[in-house]
Structure formats: C-alpha cells, structure tokens
Amino acid sequence: TTLESLIAAAIGQSELPLSHGDIASWQLQQLRNQVSYCRKHSSFYRQHLQGVDAAALAGLDDLAALPLITEAYLRAHGPAMVCVSQDTVARIITMRSSGTTGTPKRLFFTAEDLDRTLDFFHLGMQQMVDPGQSVAILLPGATPDSTGHLLARALERFQASSHIVGLVAQPEVAARTLAQLRPDTLVGFPVQILAIARMAKFLGLSLGTIRSVLLSADYVPQSLCKEIAALWGCEIFTHYGTTETGLGGGVDCLAHNGSHLREADLLFEIIDPQRLRPLADGQWGEIVF
C-alpha cells in the first residue's frame, strides 16, 4: 500500500515492507511519551491519568489500563484537554448535539495535526487516482482545512485536479453537475453517491468514465457498493474515520481486504461495550481509539 512509506518515515525505518513488530515497538514508546506529555501539559489529564505510570506500560495490551475518555468528557472538558498553547491551534471544529440543547463538542487541531492528515490523504488517494486525472469531491469544502479542502490540497501534490461540489442536497442537480465535470473519481457519502448513480440512470445522463469511487463519512454496506459498481463499472474504495481521528483514519487498497490504518498516529482497540475490556482478535465489539 502507498501508506506504508508514510508510516515508515514516521517511525524512522528505511526498509520496506515494515514488520508488525517494528510498528508495535514504536507505538509503545509513543504511547509512553504521550501519557507523560499529556499529564505535564493538560490540567484535565493531570487528574485523569494521575494513577498511570507511563514507564510501567510494558506492551500495547496495557493500553486497556488507561481510563477511557467518552464523548461526555469531550463536551465537558474539551478546552482543558488541549495540551498546546492556544496560539498553535489552527482550527477548531464545533460539533453540536442532535437536539437543541447540550454543550457542543469542540475539537482542536494544530497545523501539524492538519499536515499529518494531509499526508495521509495524499498517499491514500494515490491508490485510486493517477496524476492528470480529476476528482469530484462531494464533501464539505467551503472553509479552509475542512475535509474537502484538505483533500483538494492533497490531490494537488501529485498533479490531480479536483472540483469541490459539496454535499448532495438535490441528486438531480448533482448528477447534472457531474455530467458536465466528467470526473475520473468521486469522493463522498455512500447514500448520496448511490442517489446520484440512480438519478443519472433515470435521466439517461452520461457522467463519462468513472474509474473509482471513494465512499466515506458513513456506514458502507456491501449491497450499496455492488450497486454503484454495477451502475458505473467502477472500482469502489472505502475510508474509515471521524473528526476525532483527525478526519482521516483508515483506507482500503486494491486488495479490498480491510483498512490500512494511520498506525503512526492512532491506536485502535475492539472492546466489549458492556465490560469495557479488550476483545480477542476475531470477535465483534466496539471500536475505540
């Protein structure tokens, strides 16, 4: 995968392919560093992690010894969790609750955080887009450092052009727009792209030769992938991530056998949501990172 060079550069390895042992060893050291750093620079973590000895973390399995942080913590203590000076915060994303009341969730990103996401987008997109090709981005992109804006900047790095179309409010309008743009690749929400594909067929619109589609930001059922692939004859890729993972999280490759994760930035666990304990490989549970 194109992402292996990104992880190799982060962990200081020059030889590919990387071994899982090399990655795990580096991740453990970074985990220790992170615990120490957060306790030193954040009033929230000073209290939250006061019983944790960073040096005693002997392996990644010890991640389970750290107390979980829930959405409620983010809403109640977000600013106190920030471990850098406010002067270095480049972007704040405010996520309000679905109701009309409740404290909004605010997530803080430094320029370095955004650059790491940009690197992930840059290398991840090379698995489905070639230089000189065009990409229609059906994601929010009107503001600087939004997902669509970062993706467009990432594509510029390897001479791929992009058009930020934005979220799909009216499938017919979006289908006609794409018929004019005739992109090689689409990036967007699964249901919205399916709606465009169905609308284009209904209207008899040709969108040109769509080579690939990246589905992101929502659950991606296999039935939906099969229908889009059948309608357009394209290859389907999927991305997993949330605002909390720094917008990027994991993306699949040409093998289509799972996601390649940002292993130089994120640790993932699968836990039992009732007991809040890690599960063995192969068992279904809740994703925490």
C-alpha atoms as a PDB file:
ATOM      1  CA  THR A   1       0.000   0.000   0.000  1.00  0.00           C
ATOM      2  CA  THR A   2       1.114   3.571  -0.656  1.00  0.00           C
ATOM      3  CA  LEU A   3       0.596   4.327   3.040  1.00  0.00           C
ATOM      4  CA  GLU A   4       3.490   2.108   4.110  1.00  0.00           C
ATOM      5  CA  SER A   5       6.035   4.748   3.141  1.00  0.00           C
ATOM      6  CA  LEU A   6       4.189   7.277   5.325  1.00  0.00           C
ATOM      7  CA  ILE A   7       4.369   5.011   8.367  1.00  0.00           C
ATOM      8  CA  ALA A   8       7.992   4.091   7.611  1.00  0.00           C
ATOM      9  CA  ALA A   9       9.019   7.753   7.543  1.00  0.00           C
ATOM     10  CA  ALA A  10       7.241   8.428  10.842  1.00  0.00           C
ATOM     11  CA  ILE A  11       8.880   5.553  12.707  1.00  0.00           C
ATOM     12  CA  GLY A  12      12.324   6.069  11.166  1.00  0.00           C
ATOM     13  CA  GLN A  13      12.503   2.860   9.142  1.00  0.00           C
ATOM     14  CA  SER A  14      14.035   2.852   5.671  1.00  0.00           C
ATOM     15  CA  GLU A  15      13.452  -0.749   4.605  1.00  0.00           C
ATOM     16  CA  LEU A  16      10.109  -1.942   3.270  1.00  0.00           C
ATOM     17  CA  PRO A  17       7.995  -3.878   3.907  1.00  0.00           C
ATOM     18  CA  LEU A  18       7.615  -2.919   7.549  1.00  0.00           C
ATOM     19  CA  SER A  19       7.221  -5.578  10.186  1.00  0.00           C
ATOM     20  CA  HIS A  20       4.387  -5.506  12.683  1.00  0.00           C
ATOM     21  CA  GLY A  21       6.977  -5.806  15.453  1.00  0.00           C
ATOM     22  CA  ASP A  22       8.761  -2.620  14.347  1.00  0.00           C
ATOM     23  CA  ILE A  23       5.487  -0.702  14.264  1.00  0.00           C
ATOM     24  CA  ALA A  24       4.308  -2.051  17.634  1.00  0.00           C
ATOM     25  CA  SER A  25       7.613  -1.232  19.317  1.00  0.00           C
ATOM     26  CA  TRP A  26       7.484   2.349  18.070  1.00  0.00           C
ATOM     27  CA  GLN A  27       3.800   2.688  19.042  1.00  0.00           C
ATOM     28  CA  LEU A  28       4.536   1.564  22.602  1.00  0.00           C
ATOM     29  CA  GLN A  29       7.244   4.180  23.021  1.00  0.00           C
ATOM     30  CA  GLN A  30       4.965   6.852  21.610  1.00  0.00           C
ATOM     31  CA  LEU A  31       2.192   5.775  23.989  1.00  0.00           C
ATOM     32  CA  ARG A  32       4.526   6.220  26.956  1.00  0.00           C
ATOM     33  CA  ASN A  33       5.621   9.612  25.653  1.00  0.00           C
ATOM     34  CA  GLN A  34       2.016  10.662  25.082  1.00  0.00           C
ATOM     35  CA  VAL A  35       0.892   9.782  28.597  1.00  0.00           C
ATOM     36  CA  SER A  36       3.795  11.739  30.093  1.00  0.00           C
ATOM     37  CA  TYR A  37       3.258  14.699  27.780  1.00  0.00           C
ATOM     38  CA  CYS A  38      -0.475  14.941  28.439  1.00  0.00           C
ATOM     39  CA  ARG A  39      -0.027  14.789  32.188  1.00  0.00           C
ATOM     40  CA  LYS A  40       2.530  17.577  32.006  1.00  0.00           C
ATOM     41  CA  HIS A  41       0.646  19.932  29.686  1.00  0.00           C
ATOM     42  CA  SER A  42      -3.073  19.446  30.448  1.00  0.00           C
ATOM     43  CA  SER A  43      -4.944  20.102  33.682  1.00  0.00           C
ATOM     44  CA  PHE A  44      -7.545  17.524  32.672  1.00  0.00           C
ATOM     45  CA  TYR A  45      -5.035  14.736  32.022  1.00  0.00           C
ATOM     46  CA  ARG A  46      -3.058  15.587  35.134  1.00  0.00           C
ATOM     47  CA  GLN A  47      -6.118  14.483  37.090  1.00  0.00           C
ATOM     48  CA  HIS A  48      -7.444  11.832  34.700  1.00  0.00           C
ATOM     49  CA  LEU A  49      -4.134   9.948  34.413  1.00  0.00           C
ATOM     50  CA  GLN A  50      -2.779  10.545  37.889  1.00  0.00           C
ATOM     51  CA  GLY A  51      -2.737   6.814  38.715  1.00  0.00           C
ATOM     52  CA  VAL A  52      -0.997   5.813  35.481  1.00  0.00           C
ATOM     53  CA  ASP A  53       2.764   5.181  35.390  1.00  0.00           C
ATOM     54  CA  ALA A  54       3.912   5.693  31.794  1.00  0.00           C
ATOM     55  CA  ALA A  55       7.118   3.720  32.385  1.00  0.00           C
ATOM     56  CA  ALA A  56       5.085   0.729  33.598  1.00  0.00           C
ATOM     57  CA  LEU A  57       3.353   0.345  30.202  1.00  0.00           C
ATOM     58  CA  ALA A  58       5.142  -2.824  29.118  1.00  0.00           C
ATOM     59  CA  GLY A  59       3.177  -3.553  25.932  1.00  0.00           C
ATOM     60  CA  LEU A  60       0.300  -2.353  23.802  1.00  0.00           C
ATOM     61  CA  ASP A  61      -2.018  -4.690  25.711  1.00  0.00           C
ATOM     62  CA  ASP A  62      -1.504  -2.340  28.660  1.00  0.00           C
ATOM     63  CA  LEU A  63      -3.471   0.293  26.760  1.00  0.00           C
ATOM     64  CA  ALA A  64      -6.510  -1.208  28.492  1.00  0.00           C
ATOM     65  CA  ALA A  65      -5.138   0.058  31.803  1.00  0.00           C
ATOM     66  CA  LEU A  66      -5.759   3.650  30.729  1.00  0.00           C
ATOM     67  CA  PRO A  67      -9.176   5.100  31.643  1.00  0.00           C
ATOM     68  CA  LEU A  68     -11.496   5.543  28.686  1.00  0.00           C
ATOM     69  CA  ILE A  69     -12.485   9.027  27.554  1.00  0.00           C
ATOM     70  CA  THR A  70     -16.074   9.299  26.376  1.00  0.00           C
ATOM     71  CA  GLU A  71     -17.919  11.913  24.363  1.00  0.00           C
ATOM     72  CA  ALA A  72     -19.199  13.334  27.654  1.00  0.00           C
ATOM     73  CA  TYR A  73     -15.603  14.141  28.654  1.00  0.00           C
ATOM     74  CA  LEU A  74     -15.036  15.964  25.374  1.00  0.00           C
ATOM     75  CA  ARG A  75     -18.149  18.048  25.851  1.00  0.00           C
ATOM     76  CA  ALA A  76     -17.427  18.888  29.488  1.00  0.00           C
ATOM     77  CA  HIS A  77     -13.632  19.264  29.463  1.00  0.00           C
ATOM     78  CA  GLY A  78     -12.594  19.888  25.852  1.00  0.00           C
ATOM     79  CA  PRO A  79     -10.544  23.078  26.373  1.00  0.00           C
ATOM     80  CA  ALA A  80      -8.842  21.616  29.474  1.00  0.00           C
ATOM     81  CA  MET A  81      -7.759  18.590  27.409  1.00  0.00           C
ATOM     82  CA  VAL A  82      -5.750  20.738  24.982  1.00  0.00           C
ATOM     83  CA  CYS A  83      -2.020  20.116  25.516  1.00  0.00           C
ATOM     84  CA  VAL A  84      -0.654  23.014  23.459  1.00  0.00           C
ATOM     85  CA  SER A  85      -0.811  26.792  23.586  1.00  0.00           C
ATOM     86  CA  GLN A  86      -3.941  28.344  22.104  1.00  0.00           C
ATOM     87  CA  ASP A  87      -1.611  30.245  19.766  1.00  0.00           C
ATOM     88  CA  THR A  88      -0.730  26.978  17.999  1.00  0.00           C
ATOM     89  CA  VAL A  89      -4.359  25.909  17.436  1.00  0.00           C
ATOM     90  CA  ALA A  90      -5.021  26.271  13.700  1.00  0.00           C
ATOM     91  CA  ARG A  91      -8.599  25.014  13.564  1.00  0.00           C
ATOM     92  CA  ILE A  92     -11.439  24.333  15.991  1.00  0.00           C
ATOM     93  CA  ILE A  93     -14.319  22.110  14.876  1.00  0.00           C
ATOM     94  CA  THR A  94     -17.544  22.543  16.828  1.00  0.00           C
ATOM     95  CA  MET A  95     -19.925  19.576  16.775  1.00  0.00           C
ATOM     96  CA  ARG A  96     -23.324  20.268  18.271  1.00  0.00           C
ATOM     97  CA  SER A  97     -25.656  17.638  19.699  1.00  0.00           C
ATOM     98  CA  SER A  98     -28.618  16.466  17.623  1.00  0.00           C
ATOM     99  CA  GLY A  99     -31.010  18.263  19.969  1.00  0.00           C
ATOM    100  CA  THR A 100     -31.380  21.978  20.537  1.00  0.00           C
ATOM    101  CA  THR A 101     -29.691  21.909  23.939  1.00  0.00           C
ATOM    102  CA  GLY A 102     -26.493  20.447  25.290  1.00  0.00           C
ATOM    103  CA  THR A 103     -22.882  21.504  25.385  1.00  0.00           C
ATOM    104  CA  PRO A 104     -21.230  21.354  21.955  1.00  0.00           C
ATOM    105  CA  LYS A 105     -18.182  19.179  21.417  1.00  0.00           C
ATOM    106  CA  ARG A 106     -15.113  21.150  20.355  1.00  0.00           C
ATOM    107  CA  LEU A 107     -12.050  19.546  18.826  1.00  0.00           C
ATOM    108  CA  PHE A 108      -8.771  21.421  18.471  1.00  0.00           C
ATOM    109  CA  PHE A 109      -6.185  20.906  15.703  1.00  0.00           C
ATOM    110  CA  THR A 110      -2.697  22.333  15.281  1.00  0.00           C
ATOM    111  CA  ALA A 111      -1.138  22.999  11.888  1.00  0.00           C
ATOM    112  CA  GLU A 112       0.973  19.868  12.411  1.00  0.00           C
ATOM    113  CA  ASP A 113      -2.170  17.790  13.025  1.00  0.00           C
ATOM    114  CA  LEU A 114      -3.662  19.037   9.757  1.00  0.00           C
ATOM    115  CA  ASP A 115      -0.397  18.424   7.885  1.00  0.00           C
ATOM    116  CA  ARG A 116      -0.377  14.793   9.046  1.00  0.00           C
ATOM    117  CA  THR A 117      -3.936  14.372   7.767  1.00  0.00           C
ATOM    118  CA  LEU A 118      -2.876  15.989   4.507  1.00  0.00           C
ATOM    119  CA  ASP A 119      -0.033  13.461   4.192  1.00  0.00           C
ATOM    120  CA  PHE A 120      -2.481  10.613   4.808  1.00  0.00           C
ATOM    121  CA  PHE A 121      -4.877  11.918   2.137  1.00  0.00           C
ATOM    122  CA  HIS A 122      -2.001  12.491  -0.284  1.00  0.00           C
ATOM    123  CA  LEU A 123      -0.688   8.924  -0.163  1.00  0.00           C
ATOM    124  CA  GLY A 124      -4.065   7.242   0.368  1.00  0.00           C
ATOM    125  CA  MET A 125      -5.608   8.815  -2.743  1.00  0.00           C
ATOM    126  CA  GLN A 126      -2.745   7.585  -4.932  1.00  0.00           C
ATOM    127  CA  GLN A 127      -4.235   4.096  -4.666  1.00  0.00           C
ATOM    128  CA  MET A 128      -7.248   5.210  -6.739  1.00  0.00           C
ATOM    129  CA  VAL A 129      -6.187   8.327  -8.673  1.00  0.00           C
ATOM    130  CA  ASP A 130      -3.347   8.899 -11.150  1.00  0.00           C
ATOM    131  CA  PRO A 131      -1.614  12.223 -11.921  1.00  0.00           C
ATOM    132  CA  GLY A 132      -3.571  14.180 -14.516  1.00  0.00           C
ATOM    133  CA  GLN A 133      -6.913  12.708 -13.531  1.00  0.00           C
ATOM    134  CA  SER A 134      -9.776  14.651 -11.960  1.00  0.00           C
ATOM    135  CA  VAL A 135     -11.720  14.101  -8.734  1.00  0.00           C
ATOM    136  CA  ALA A 136     -15.162  15.407  -7.792  1.00  0.00           C
ATOM    137  CA  ILE A 137     -15.323  15.939  -4.017  1.00  0.00           C
ATOM    138  CA  LEU A 138     -18.851  15.662  -2.649  1.00  0.00           C
ATOM    139  CA  LEU A 139     -17.874  16.657   0.896  1.00  0.00           C
ATOM    140  CA  PRO A 140     -17.892  19.945   2.832  1.00  0.00           C
ATOM    141  CA  GLY A 141     -15.053  22.049   1.464  1.00  0.00           C
ATOM    142  CA  ALA A 142     -16.026  25.704   1.579  1.00  0.00           C
ATOM    143  CA  THR A 143     -13.862  26.564   4.582  1.00  0.00           C
ATOM    144  CA  PRO A 144     -10.048  26.288   4.854  1.00  0.00           C
ATOM    145  CA  ASP A 145      -8.816  22.999   6.349  1.00  0.00           C
ATOM    146  CA  SER A 146     -12.236  21.346   6.009  1.00  0.00           C
ATOM    147  CA  THR A 147     -12.215  17.731   4.805  1.00  0.00           C
ATOM    148  CA  GLY A 148     -12.919  18.653   1.186  1.00  0.00           C
ATOM    149  CA  HIS A 149     -10.357  21.457   1.235  1.00  0.00           C
ATOM    150  CA  LEU A 150      -7.619  19.222   2.667  1.00  0.00           C
ATOM    151  CA  LEU A 151      -8.432  16.530   0.113  1.00  0.00           C
ATOM    152  CA  ALA A 152      -8.174  19.027  -2.755  1.00  0.00           C
ATOM    153  CA  ARG A 153      -4.773  20.201  -1.459  1.00  0.00           C
ATOM    154  CA  ALA A 154      -3.609  16.591  -1.180  1.00  0.00           C
ATOM    155  CA  LEU A 155      -4.560  15.894  -4.799  1.00  0.00           C
ATOM    156  CA  GLU A 156      -2.642  18.967  -5.970  1.00  0.00           C
ATOM    157  CA  ARG A 157       0.528  17.388  -4.566  1.00  0.00           C
ATOM    158  CA  PHE A 158       0.578  14.762  -7.302  1.00  0.00           C
ATOM    159  CA  GLN A 159      -0.952  16.824 -10.109  1.00  0.00           C
ATOM    160  CA  ALA A 160      -4.509  15.514  -9.855  1.00  0.00           C
ATOM    161  CA  SER A 161      -7.209  18.143 -10.318  1.00  0.00           C
ATOM    162  CA  SER A 162     -10.281  18.442  -8.138  1.00  0.00           C
ATOM    163  CA  HIS A 163     -13.695  20.061  -8.025  1.00  0.00           C
ATOM    164  CA  ILE A 164     -15.324  20.609  -4.624  1.00  0.00           C
ATOM    165  CA  VAL A 165     -19.006  20.021  -5.348  1.00  0.00           C
ATOM    166  CA  GLY A 166     -20.064  19.863  -1.699  1.00  0.00           C
ATOM    167  CA  LEU A 167     -22.718  17.773  -0.001  1.00  0.00           C
ATOM    168  CA  VAL A 168     -25.578  16.496  -2.152  1.00  0.00           C
ATOM    169  CA  ALA A 169     -28.871  18.198  -1.351  1.00  0.00           C
ATOM    170  CA  GLN A 170     -30.520  17.506  -4.725  1.00  0.00           C
ATOM    171  CA  PRO A 171     -29.362  14.366  -6.568  1.00  0.00           C
ATOM    172  CA  GLU A 172     -30.615  15.653  -9.918  1.00  0.00           C
ATOM    173  CA  VAL A 173     -28.601  18.876  -9.653  1.00  0.00           C
ATOM    174  CA  ALA A 174     -25.535  16.925  -8.545  1.00  0.00           C
ATOM    175  CA  ALA A 175     -25.896  14.413 -11.393  1.00  0.00           C
ATOM    176  CA  ARG A 176     -26.114  17.182 -13.986  1.00  0.00           C
ATOM    177  CA  THR A 177     -23.091  18.913 -12.452  1.00  0.00           C
ATOM    178  CA  LEU A 178     -21.054  15.713 -12.665  1.00  0.00           C
ATOM    179  CA  ALA A 179     -22.200  15.155 -16.247  1.00  0.00           C
ATOM    180  CA  GLN A 180     -20.521  18.465 -17.080  1.00  0.00           C
ATOM    181  CA  LEU A 181     -17.392  17.826 -14.993  1.00  0.00           C
ATOM    182  CA  ARG A 182     -16.974  14.206 -16.150  1.00  0.00           C
ATOM    183  CA  PRO A 183     -14.570  13.284 -13.309  1.00  0.00           C
ATOM    184  CA  ASP A 184     -12.431  10.141 -13.135  1.00  0.00           C
ATOM    185  CA  THR A 185     -13.085   9.664  -9.407  1.00  0.00           C
ATOM    186  CA  LEU A 186     -15.809  10.595  -6.932  1.00  0.00           C
ATOM    187  CA  VAL A 187     -15.452  11.017  -3.164  1.00  0.00           C
ATOM    188  CA  GLY A 188     -18.496  11.318  -0.936  1.00  0.00           C
ATOM    189  CA  PHE A 189     -21.137   9.916   1.382  1.00  0.00           C
ATOM    190  CA  PRO A 190     -22.299   6.402   0.384  1.00  0.00           C
ATOM    191  CA  VAL A 191     -26.054   7.073   0.205  1.00  0.00           C
ATOM    192  CA  GLN A 192     -25.583  10.389  -1.571  1.00  0.00           C
ATOM    193  CA  ILE A 193     -23.392   8.879  -4.288  1.00  0.00           C
ATOM    194  CA  LEU A 194     -25.838   5.998  -4.725  1.00  0.00           C
ATOM    195  CA  ALA A 195     -28.643   8.553  -5.159  1.00  0.00           C
ATOM    196  CA  ILE A 196     -26.614  10.294  -7.890  1.00  0.00           C
ATOM    197  CA  ALA A 197     -25.941   6.997  -9.667  1.00  0.00           C
ATOM    198  CA  ARG A 198     -29.623   6.095  -9.651  1.00  0.00           C
ATOM    199  CA  MET A 199     -30.659   9.595 -10.748  1.00  0.00           C
ATOM    200  CA  ALA A 200     -28.151   9.615 -13.612  1.00  0.00           C
ATOM    201  CA  LYS A 201     -29.534   6.297 -14.840  1.00  0.00           C
ATOM    202  CA  PHE A 202     -33.109   7.574 -14.537  1.00  0.00           C
ATOM    203  CA  LEU A 203     -32.285  10.734 -16.512  1.00  0.00           C
ATOM    204  CA  GLY A 204     -30.156   8.878 -19.050  1.00  0.00           C
ATOM    205  CA  LEU A 205     -27.161  11.068 -18.182  1.00  0.00           C
ATOM    206  CA  SER A 206     -23.624  10.029 -19.014  1.00  0.00           C
ATOM    207  CA  LEU A 207     -21.086  11.085 -16.392  1.00  0.00           C
ATOM    208  CA  GLY A 208     -18.188   9.919 -18.536  1.00  0.00           C
ATOM    209  CA  THR A 209     -15.913   7.082 -17.446  1.00  0.00           C
ATOM    210  CA  ILE A 210     -15.837   6.994 -13.662  1.00  0.00           C
ATOM    211  CA  ARG A 211     -12.784   4.957 -12.780  1.00  0.00           C
ATOM    212  CA  SER A 212     -13.130   4.805  -8.996  1.00  0.00           C
ATOM    213  CA  VAL A 213     -15.323   5.913  -6.102  1.00  0.00           C
ATOM    214  CA  LEU A 214     -14.215   6.532  -2.511  1.00  0.00           C
ATOM    215  CA  LEU A 215     -17.055   6.164  -0.004  1.00  0.00           C
ATOM    216  CA  SER A 216     -16.577   7.847   3.355  1.00  0.00           C
ATOM    217  CA  ALA A 217     -18.164   9.514   6.401  1.00  0.00           C
ATOM    218  CA  ASP A 218     -20.894   6.904   6.946  1.00  0.00           C
ATOM    219  CA  TYR A 219     -21.586   3.184   7.115  1.00  0.00           C
ATOM    220  CA  VAL A 220     -20.785   1.460   3.799  1.00  0.00           C
ATOM    221  CA  PRO A 221     -22.912  -1.673   3.189  1.00  0.00           C
ATOM    222  CA  GLN A 222     -21.684  -4.177   0.599  1.00  0.00           C
ATOM    223  CA  SER A 223     -25.029  -4.086  -1.209  1.00  0.00           C
ATOM    224  CA  LEU A 224     -24.556  -0.370  -1.868  1.00  0.00           C
ATOM    225  CA  CYS A 225     -21.015  -0.911  -3.182  1.00  0.00           C
ATOM    226  CA  LYS A 226     -22.216  -3.617  -5.559  1.00  0.00           C
ATOM    227  CA  GLU A 227     -24.993  -1.437  -6.955  1.00  0.00           C
ATOM    228  CA  ILE A 228     -22.742   1.562  -7.593  1.00  0.00           C
ATOM    229  CA  ALA A 229     -20.104  -0.672  -9.202  1.00  0.00           C
ATOM    230  CA  ALA A 230     -22.770  -2.256 -11.425  1.00  0.00           C
ATOM    231  CA  LEU A 231     -24.207   1.107 -12.489  1.00  0.00           C
ATOM    232  CA  TRP A 232     -20.868   2.737 -13.329  1.00  0.00           C
ATOM    233  CA  GLY A 233     -18.478  -0.181 -13.836  1.00  0.00           C
ATOM    234  CA  CYS A 234     -16.046   1.413 -11.367  1.00  0.00           C
ATOM    235  CA  GLU A 235     -13.870   0.227  -8.500  1.00  0.00           C
ATOM    236  CA  ILE A 236     -15.135   1.023  -5.003  1.00  0.00           C
ATOM    237  CA  PHE A 237     -12.832   2.080  -2.154  1.00  0.00           C
ATOM    238  CA  THR A 238     -13.840   2.860   1.425  1.00  0.00           C
ATOM    239  CA  HIS A 239     -12.451   5.198   4.060  1.00  0.00           C
ATOM    240  CA  TYR A 240     -12.985   4.953   7.830  1.00  0.00           C
ATOM    241  CA  GLY A 241     -12.511   7.995  10.009  1.00  0.00           C
ATOM    242  CA  THR A 242     -14.149  10.622  12.186  1.00  0.00           C
ATOM    243  CA  THR A 243     -13.424  14.193  13.166  1.00  0.00           C
ATOM    244  CA  GLU A 244     -11.922  12.792  16.365  1.00  0.00           C
ATOM    245  CA  THR A 245      -9.363  10.726  14.426  1.00  0.00           C
ATOM    246  CA  GLY A 246      -8.143  13.906  12.764  1.00  0.00           C
ATOM    247  CA  LEU A 247     -10.529  13.481   9.783  1.00  0.00           C
ATOM    248  CA  GLY A 248      -8.516  10.573   8.365  1.00  0.00           C
ATOM    249  CA  GLY A 249      -8.416   7.101   9.900  1.00  0.00           C
ATOM    250  CA  GLY A 250      -8.011   4.156   7.541  1.00  0.00           C
ATOM    251  CA  VAL A 251      -8.497   3.376   3.861  1.00  0.00           C
ATOM    252  CA  ASP A 252      -8.558   0.191   1.836  1.00  0.00           C
ATOM    253  CA  CYS A 253      -6.332  -0.600  -1.136  1.00  0.00           C
ATOM    254  CA  LEU A 254      -6.571  -2.590  -4.359  1.00  0.00           C
ATOM    255  CA  ALA A 255      -6.784  -5.823  -2.346  1.00  0.00           C
ATOM    256  CA  HIS A 256     -10.083  -4.666  -0.758  1.00  0.00           C
ATOM    257  CA  ASN A 257      -9.456  -6.789   2.308  1.00  0.00           C
ATOM    258  CA  GLY A 258      -9.790  -4.312   5.167  1.00  0.00           C
ATOM    259  CA  SER A 259      -8.431  -0.868   6.013  1.00  0.00           C
ATOM    260  CA  HIS A 260      -4.839   0.323   6.264  1.00  0.00           C
ATOM    261  CA  LEU A 261      -4.830   2.458   9.413  1.00  0.00           C
ATOM    262  CA  ARG A 262      -2.836   5.532  10.364  1.00  0.00           C
ATOM    263  CA  GLU A 263      -0.615   3.406  12.560  1.00  0.00           C
ATOM    264  CA  ALA A 264       1.864   6.238  13.106  1.00  0.00           C
ATOM    265  CA  ASP A 265      -0.878   8.424  14.605  1.00  0.00           C
ATOM    266  CA  LEU A 266      -3.588   6.209  16.072  1.00  0.00           C
ATOM    267  CA  LEU A 267      -4.009   3.087  18.196  1.00  0.00           C
ATOM    268  CA  PHE A 268      -7.211   1.075  17.763  1.00  0.00           C
ATOM    269  CA  GLU A 269      -8.883  -1.452  20.058  1.00  0.00           C
ATOM    270  CA  ILE A 270     -12.029  -3.562  19.821  1.00  0.00           C
ATOM    271  CA  ILE A 271     -13.732  -3.709  23.212  1.00  0.00           C
ATOM    272  CA  ASP A 272     -16.772  -5.236  24.851  1.00  0.00           C
ATOM    273  CA  PRO A 273     -19.034  -2.163  25.255  1.00  0.00           C
ATOM    274  CA  GLN A 274     -20.595  -3.526  28.463  1.00  0.00           C
ATOM    275  CA  ARG A 275     -17.432  -4.634  30.293  1.00  0.00           C
ATOM    276  CA  LEU A 276     -15.192  -2.038  28.602  1.00  0.00           C
ATOM    277  CA  ARG A 277     -12.452  -4.623  28.170  1.00  0.00           C
ATOM    278  CA  PRO A 278     -10.499  -5.552  25.012  1.00  0.00           C
ATOM    279  CA  LEU A 279     -11.728  -8.495  22.960  1.00  0.00           C
ATOM    280  CA  ALA A 280      -9.615 -11.175  21.322  1.00  0.00           C
ATOM    281  CA  ASP A 281      -8.897 -11.000  17.596  1.00  0.00           C
ATOM    282  CA  GLY A 282     -11.867 -12.136  15.539  1.00  0.00           C
ATOM    283  CA  GLN A 283     -14.542 -11.048  17.999  1.00  0.00           C
ATOM    284  CA  TRP A 284     -17.056  -8.309  17.299  1.00  0.00           C
ATOM    285  CA  GLY A 285     -17.242  -5.271  19.580  1.00  0.00           C
ATOM    286  CA  GLU A 286     -16.994  -1.508  19.737  1.00  0.00           C
ATOM    287  CA  ILE A 287     -14.157   0.426  18.124  1.00  0.00           C
ATOM    288  CA  VAL A 288     -12.183   2.736  20.406  1.00  0.00           C
ATOM    289  CA  PHE A 289      -9.026   4.590  19.501  1.00  0.00           C
END
